[in-house]
Amino acid sequence: MAGGAGAGPAVQQALEGVEDLGGPEDQPADGHLDARPVSTAVNNVRNNDPHLLAPVSL
């Protein structure tokens, strides 16, 4: 189980069923996923605008 042998009961309970979530090898629903750089504004939960999805240059 993830979390290690020394993990407390709360951690173990939170990790229950994590194996069922799948991994990075799973395909997205439509079979296609684009990864692109976006603004650091996505890191702030107060930001909720369509511009957050706009690609930025590196």
PDB file of N, CA and C in Angstrom:
ATOM      1  N   MET A   1       0.840  -1.190   0.000  1.00  0.00           N
ATOM      2  CA  MET A   1       0.000   0.000   0.000  1.00  0.00           C
ATOM      3  C   MET A   1       0.874   1.238   0.000  1.00  0.00           C
ATOM      4  N   ALA A   2       0.442   2.261  -0.699  1.00  0.00           N
ATOM      5  CA  ALA A   2       1.174   3.525  -0.714  1.00  0.00           C
ATOM      6  C   ALA A   2       1.107   4.170   0.646  1.00  0.00           C
ATOM      7  N   GLY A   3       2.095   4.972   0.982  1.00  0.00           N
ATOM      8  CA  GLY A   3       2.082   5.673   2.253  1.00  0.00           C
ATOM      9  C   GLY A   3       3.061   5.095   3.247  1.00  0.00           C
ATOM     10  N   GLY A   4       3.530   3.882   3.009  1.00  0.00           N
ATOM     11  CA  GLY A   4       4.527   3.283   3.874  1.00  0.00           C
ATOM     12  C   GLY A   4       3.937   2.659   5.115  1.00  0.00           C
ATOM     13  N   ALA A   5       4.735   1.792   5.729  1.00  0.00           N
ATOM     14  CA  ALA A   5       4.279   1.059   6.901  1.00  0.00           C
ATOM     15  C   ALA A   5       4.036   1.974   8.087  1.00  0.00           C
ATOM     16  N   GLY A   6       4.751   3.107   8.178  1.00  0.00           N
ATOM     17  CA  GLY A   6       4.608   3.998   9.310  1.00  0.00           C
ATOM     18  C   GLY A   6       3.498   5.028   9.159  1.00  0.00           C
ATOM     19  N   ALA A   7       2.731   4.960   8.072  1.00  0.00           N
ATOM     20  CA  ALA A   7       1.670   5.939   7.856  1.00  0.00           C
ATOM     21  C   ALA A   7       0.564   5.745   8.864  1.00  0.00           C
ATOM     22  N   GLY A   8       0.048   6.841   9.376  1.00  0.00           N
ATOM     23  CA  GLY A   8      -1.031   6.794  10.348  1.00  0.00           C
ATOM     24  C   GLY A   8      -2.347   6.370   9.724  1.00  0.00           C
ATOM     25  N   PRO A   9      -3.348   6.091  10.568  1.00  0.00           N
ATOM     26  CA  PRO A   9      -4.639   5.625  10.066  1.00  0.00           C
ATOM     27  C   PRO A   9      -5.321   6.628   9.137  1.00  0.00           C
ATOM     28  N   ALA A  10      -5.170   7.923   9.399  1.00  0.00           N
ATOM     29  CA  ALA A  10      -5.801   8.929   8.537  1.00  0.00           C
ATOM     30  C   ALA A  10      -5.195   8.894   7.144  1.00  0.00           C
ATOM     31  N   VAL A  11      -3.874   8.741   7.065  1.00  0.00           N
ATOM     32  CA  VAL A  11      -3.203   8.675   5.766  1.00  0.00           C
ATOM     33  C   VAL A  11      -3.615   7.406   5.046  1.00  0.00           C
ATOM     34  N   GLN A  12      -3.634   6.302   5.743  1.00  0.00           N
ATOM     35  CA  GLN A  12      -4.022   5.042   5.116  1.00  0.00           C
ATOM     36  C   GLN A  12      -5.463   5.098   4.624  1.00  0.00           C
ATOM     37  N   GLN A  13      -6.350   5.723   5.388  1.00  0.00           N
ATOM     38  CA  GLN A  13      -7.740   5.842   4.963  1.00  0.00           C
ATOM     39  C   GLN A  13      -7.840   6.728   3.718  1.00  0.00           C
ATOM     40  N   ALA A  14      -7.079   7.817   3.688  1.00  0.00           N
ATOM     41  CA  ALA A  14      -7.106   8.718   2.534  1.00  0.00           C
ATOM     42  C   ALA A  14      -6.581   8.030   1.285  1.00  0.00           C
ATOM     43  N   LEU A  15      -5.665   7.099   1.446  1.00  0.00           N
ATOM     44  CA  LEU A  15      -5.053   6.422   0.303  1.00  0.00           C
ATOM     45  C   LEU A  15      -5.827   5.198  -0.154  1.00  0.00           C
ATOM     46  N   GLU A  16      -6.874   4.816   0.570  1.00  0.00           N
ATOM     47  CA  GLU A  16      -7.659   3.654   0.171  1.00  0.00           C
ATOM     48  C   GLU A  16      -8.247   3.873  -1.209  1.00  0.00           C
ATOM     49  N   GLY A  17      -8.092   2.931  -2.069  1.00  0.00           N
ATOM     50  CA  GLY A  17      -8.637   3.002  -3.413  1.00  0.00           C
ATOM     51  C   GLY A  17      -7.795   3.791  -4.394  1.00  0.00           C
ATOM     52  N   VAL A  18      -6.639   4.290  -3.988  1.00  0.00           N
ATOM     53  CA  VAL A  18      -5.800   5.068  -4.899  1.00  0.00           C
ATOM     54  C   VAL A  18      -5.377   4.220  -6.084  1.00  0.00           C
ATOM     55  N   GLU A  19      -5.175   2.944  -5.877  1.00  0.00           N
ATOM     56  CA  GLU A  19      -4.756   2.066  -6.960  1.00  0.00           C
ATOM     57  C   GLU A  19      -5.794   2.043  -8.074  1.00  0.00           C
ATOM     58  N   ASP A  20      -7.059   2.306  -7.751  1.00  0.00           N
ATOM     59  CA  ASP A  20      -8.133   2.257  -8.728  1.00  0.00           C
ATOM     60  C   ASP A  20      -8.165   3.483  -9.630  1.00  0.00           C
ATOM     61  N   LEU A  21      -7.379   4.509  -9.336  1.00  0.00           N
ATOM     62  CA  LEU A  21      -7.432   5.745 -10.101  1.00  0.00           C
ATOM     63  C   LEU A  21      -6.731   5.645 -11.448  1.00  0.00           C
ATOM     64  N   GLY A  22      -5.906   4.665 -11.629  1.00  0.00           N
ATOM     65  CA  GLY A  22      -5.165   4.540 -12.877  1.00  0.00           C
ATOM     66  C   GLY A  22      -3.879   5.335 -12.805  1.00  0.00           C
ATOM     67  N   GLY A  23      -3.107   5.241 -13.832  1.00  0.00           N
ATOM     68  CA  GLY A  23      -1.819   5.915 -13.833  1.00  0.00           C
ATOM     69  C   GLY A  23      -1.630   6.737 -15.084  1.00  0.00           C
ATOM     70  N   PRO A  24      -0.435   7.300 -15.240  1.00  0.00           N
ATOM     71  CA  PRO A  24      -0.175   8.158 -16.399  1.00  0.00           C
ATOM     72  C   PRO A  24      -0.226   7.405 -17.718  1.00  0.00           C
ATOM     73  N   GLU A  25      -0.152   6.091 -17.667  1.00  0.00           N
ATOM     74  CA  GLU A  25      -0.211   5.324 -18.909  1.00  0.00           C
ATOM     75  C   GLU A  25      -1.639   5.224 -19.445  1.00  0.00           C
ATOM     76  N   ASP A  26      -2.636   5.588 -18.637  1.00  0.00           N
ATOM     77  CA  ASP A  26      -4.025   5.565 -19.091  1.00  0.00           C
ATOM     78  C   ASP A  26      -4.265   6.686 -20.101  1.00  0.00           C
ATOM     79  N   GLN A  27      -5.080   6.407 -21.090  1.00  0.00           N
ATOM     80  CA  GLN A  27      -5.399   7.385 -22.126  1.00  0.00           C
ATOM     81  C   GLN A  27      -6.509   8.324 -21.650  1.00  0.00           C
ATOM     82  N   PRO A  28      -6.479   9.605 -22.055  1.00  0.00           N
ATOM     83  CA  PRO A  28      -7.600  10.498 -21.765  1.00  0.00           C
ATOM     84  C   PRO A  28      -8.850  10.016 -22.492  1.00  0.00           C
ATOM     85  N   ALA A  29      -9.989  10.514 -22.116  1.00  0.00           N
ATOM     86  CA  ALA A  29     -11.268  10.037 -22.639  1.00  0.00           C
ATOM     87  C   ALA A  29     -11.334  10.045 -24.160  1.00  0.00           C
ATOM     88  N   ASP A  30     -10.864  11.098 -24.801  1.00  0.00           N
ATOM     89  CA  ASP A  30     -10.939  11.160 -26.256  1.00  0.00           C
ATOM     90  C   ASP A  30      -9.689  10.610 -26.940  1.00  0.00           C
ATOM     91  N   GLY A  31      -8.738  10.102 -26.164  1.00  0.00           N
ATOM     92  CA  GLY A  31      -7.534   9.506 -26.723  1.00  0.00           C
ATOM     93  C   GLY A  31      -6.448  10.492 -27.099  1.00  0.00           C
ATOM     94  N   HIS A  32      -6.648  11.774 -26.815  1.00  0.00           N
ATOM     95  CA  HIS A  32      -5.667  12.782 -27.204  1.00  0.00           C
ATOM     96  C   HIS A  32      -5.504  13.800 -26.083  1.00  0.00           C
ATOM     97  N   LEU A  33      -4.283  14.107 -25.754  1.00  0.00           N
ATOM     98  CA  LEU A  33      -3.997  15.070 -24.698  1.00  0.00           C
ATOM     99  C   LEU A  33      -2.853  15.956 -25.154  1.00  0.00           C
ATOM    100  N   ASP A  34      -3.074  17.265 -25.148  1.00  0.00           N
ATOM    101  CA  ASP A  34      -2.022  18.218 -25.503  1.00  0.00           C
ATOM    102  C   ASP A  34      -1.441  18.821 -24.236  1.00  0.00           C
ATOM    103  N   ALA A  35      -0.131  18.799 -24.118  1.00  0.00           N
ATOM    104  CA  ALA A  35       0.547  19.462 -23.001  1.00  0.00           C
ATOM    105  C   ALA A  35       1.213  20.707 -23.559  1.00  0.00           C
ATOM    106  N   ARG A  36       0.971  21.840 -22.908  1.00  0.00           N
ATOM    107  CA  ARG A  36       1.573  23.091 -23.361  1.00  0.00           C
ATOM    108  C   ARG A  36       1.781  23.997 -22.164  1.00  0.00           C
ATOM    109  N   PRO A  37       2.764  24.887 -22.247  1.00  0.00           N
ATOM    110  CA  PRO A  37       2.992  25.806 -21.130  1.00  0.00           C
ATOM    111  C   PRO A  37       1.847  26.813 -21.016  1.00  0.00           C
ATOM    112  N   VAL A  38       1.482  27.137 -19.784  1.00  0.00           N
ATOM    113  CA  VAL A  38       0.449  28.134 -19.515  1.00  0.00           C
ATOM    114  C   VAL A  38       0.980  29.126 -18.494  1.00  0.00           C
ATOM    115  N   SER A  39       0.258  30.199 -18.302  1.00  0.00           N
ATOM    116  CA  SER A  39       0.653  31.246 -17.377  1.00  0.00           C
ATOM    117  C   SER A  39       0.720  30.726 -15.944  1.00  0.00           C
ATOM    118  N   THR A  40       1.581  31.333 -15.150  1.00  0.00           N
ATOM    119  CA  THR A  40       1.648  30.967 -13.733  1.00  0.00           C
ATOM    120  C   THR A  40       0.391  31.412 -12.984  1.00  0.00           C
ATOM    121  N   ALA A  41      -0.471  32.176 -13.638  1.00  0.00           N
ATOM    122  CA  ALA A  41      -1.737  32.582 -13.028  1.00  0.00           C
ATOM    123  C   ALA A  41      -2.620  31.378 -12.708  1.00  0.00           C
ATOM    124  N   VAL A  42      -2.374  30.233 -13.333  1.00  0.00           N
ATOM    125  CA  VAL A  42      -3.167  29.038 -13.040  1.00  0.00           C
ATOM    126  C   VAL A  42      -2.922  28.530 -11.624  1.00  0.00           C
ATOM    127  N   ASN A  43      -1.855  28.985 -10.992  1.00  0.00           N
ATOM    128  CA  ASN A  43      -1.515  28.524  -9.646  1.00  0.00           C
ATOM    129  C   ASN A  43      -2.338  29.197  -8.549  1.00  0.00           C
ATOM    130  N   ASN A  44      -3.103  30.211  -8.894  1.00  0.00           N
ATOM    131  CA  ASN A  44      -3.882  30.939  -7.901  1.00  0.00           C
ATOM    132  C   ASN A  44      -5.355  30.578  -8.059  1.00  0.00           C
ATOM    133  N   VAL A  45      -5.970  30.018  -7.013  1.00  0.00           N
ATOM    134  CA  VAL A  45      -7.359  29.570  -7.098  1.00  0.00           C
ATOM    135  C   VAL A  45      -8.332  30.720  -7.311  1.00  0.00           C
ATOM    136  N   ARG A  46      -7.927  31.950  -7.041  1.00  0.00           N
ATOM    137  CA  ARG A  46      -8.809  33.099  -7.259  1.00  0.00           C
ATOM    138  C   ARG A  46      -8.962  33.428  -8.733  1.00  0.00           C
ATOM    139  N   ASN A  47      -8.054  32.939  -9.566  1.00  0.00           N
ATOM    140  CA  ASN A  47      -8.127  33.188 -11.007  1.00  0.00           C
ATOM    141  C   ASN A  47      -9.023  32.137 -11.647  1.00  0.00           C
ATOM    142  N   ASN A  48      -9.997  32.606 -12.409  1.00  0.00           N
ATOM    143  CA  ASN A  48     -10.933  31.695 -13.066  1.00  0.00           C
ATOM    144  C   ASN A  48     -11.404  32.340 -14.369  1.00  0.00           C
ATOM    145  N   ASP A  49     -10.503  32.462 -15.317  1.00  0.00           N
ATOM    146  CA  ASP A  49     -10.808  33.102 -16.586  1.00  0.00           C
ATOM    147  C   ASP A  49     -10.362  32.207 -17.739  1.00  0.00           C
ATOM    148  N   PRO A  50     -10.987  32.352 -18.894  1.00  0.00           N
ATOM    149  CA  PRO A  50     -10.574  31.555 -20.059  1.00  0.00           C
ATOM    150  C   PRO A  50      -9.126  31.806 -20.476  1.00  0.00           C
ATOM    151  N   HIS A  51      -8.576  32.977 -20.151  1.00  0.00           N
ATOM    152  CA  HIS A  51      -7.199  33.266 -20.560  1.00  0.00           C
ATOM    153  C   HIS A  51      -6.198  32.321 -19.906  1.00  0.00           C
ATOM    154  N   LEU A  52      -6.602  31.626 -18.854  1.00  0.00           N
ATOM    155  CA  LEU A  52      -5.707  30.687 -18.180  1.00  0.00           C
ATOM    156  C   LEU A  52      -5.334  29.523 -19.092  1.00  0.00           C
ATOM    157  N   LEU A  53      -6.166  29.244 -20.080  1.00  0.00           N
ATOM    158  CA  LEU A  53      -5.899  28.139 -21.003  1.00  0.00           C
ATOM    159  C   LEU A  53      -5.064  28.550 -22.203  1.00  0.00           C
ATOM    160  N   ALA A  54      -4.827  29.838 -22.360  1.00  0.00           N
ATOM    161  CA  ALA A  54      -4.055  30.320 -23.506  1.00  0.00           C
ATOM    162  C   ALA A  54      -2.593  29.905 -23.376  1.00  0.00           C
ATOM    163  N   PRO A  55      -2.002  29.373 -24.448  1.00  0.00           N
ATOM    164  CA  PRO A  55      -0.585  28.992 -24.400  1.00  0.00           C
ATOM    165  C   PRO A  55       0.311  30.220 -24.247  1.00  0.00           C
ATOM    166  N   VAL A  56       1.416  30.034 -23.597  1.00  0.00           N
ATOM    167  CA  VAL A  56       2.410  31.098 -23.461  1.00  0.00           C
ATOM    168  C   VAL A  56       3.720  30.601 -24.059  1.00  0.00           C
ATOM    169  N   SER A  57       4.563  31.517 -24.467  1.00  0.00           N
ATOM    170  CA  SER A  57       5.865  31.114 -25.001  1.00  0.00           C
ATOM    171  C   SER A  57       6.858  31.002 -23.843  1.00  0.00           C
ATOM    172  N   LEU A  58       7.799  30.130 -23.995  1.00  0.00           N
ATOM    173  CA  LEU A  58       8.787  29.922 -22.955  1.00  0.00           C
ATOM    174  C   LEU A  58       9.879  30.898 -23.087  1.00  0.00           C
TER     175      LEU A  58
END
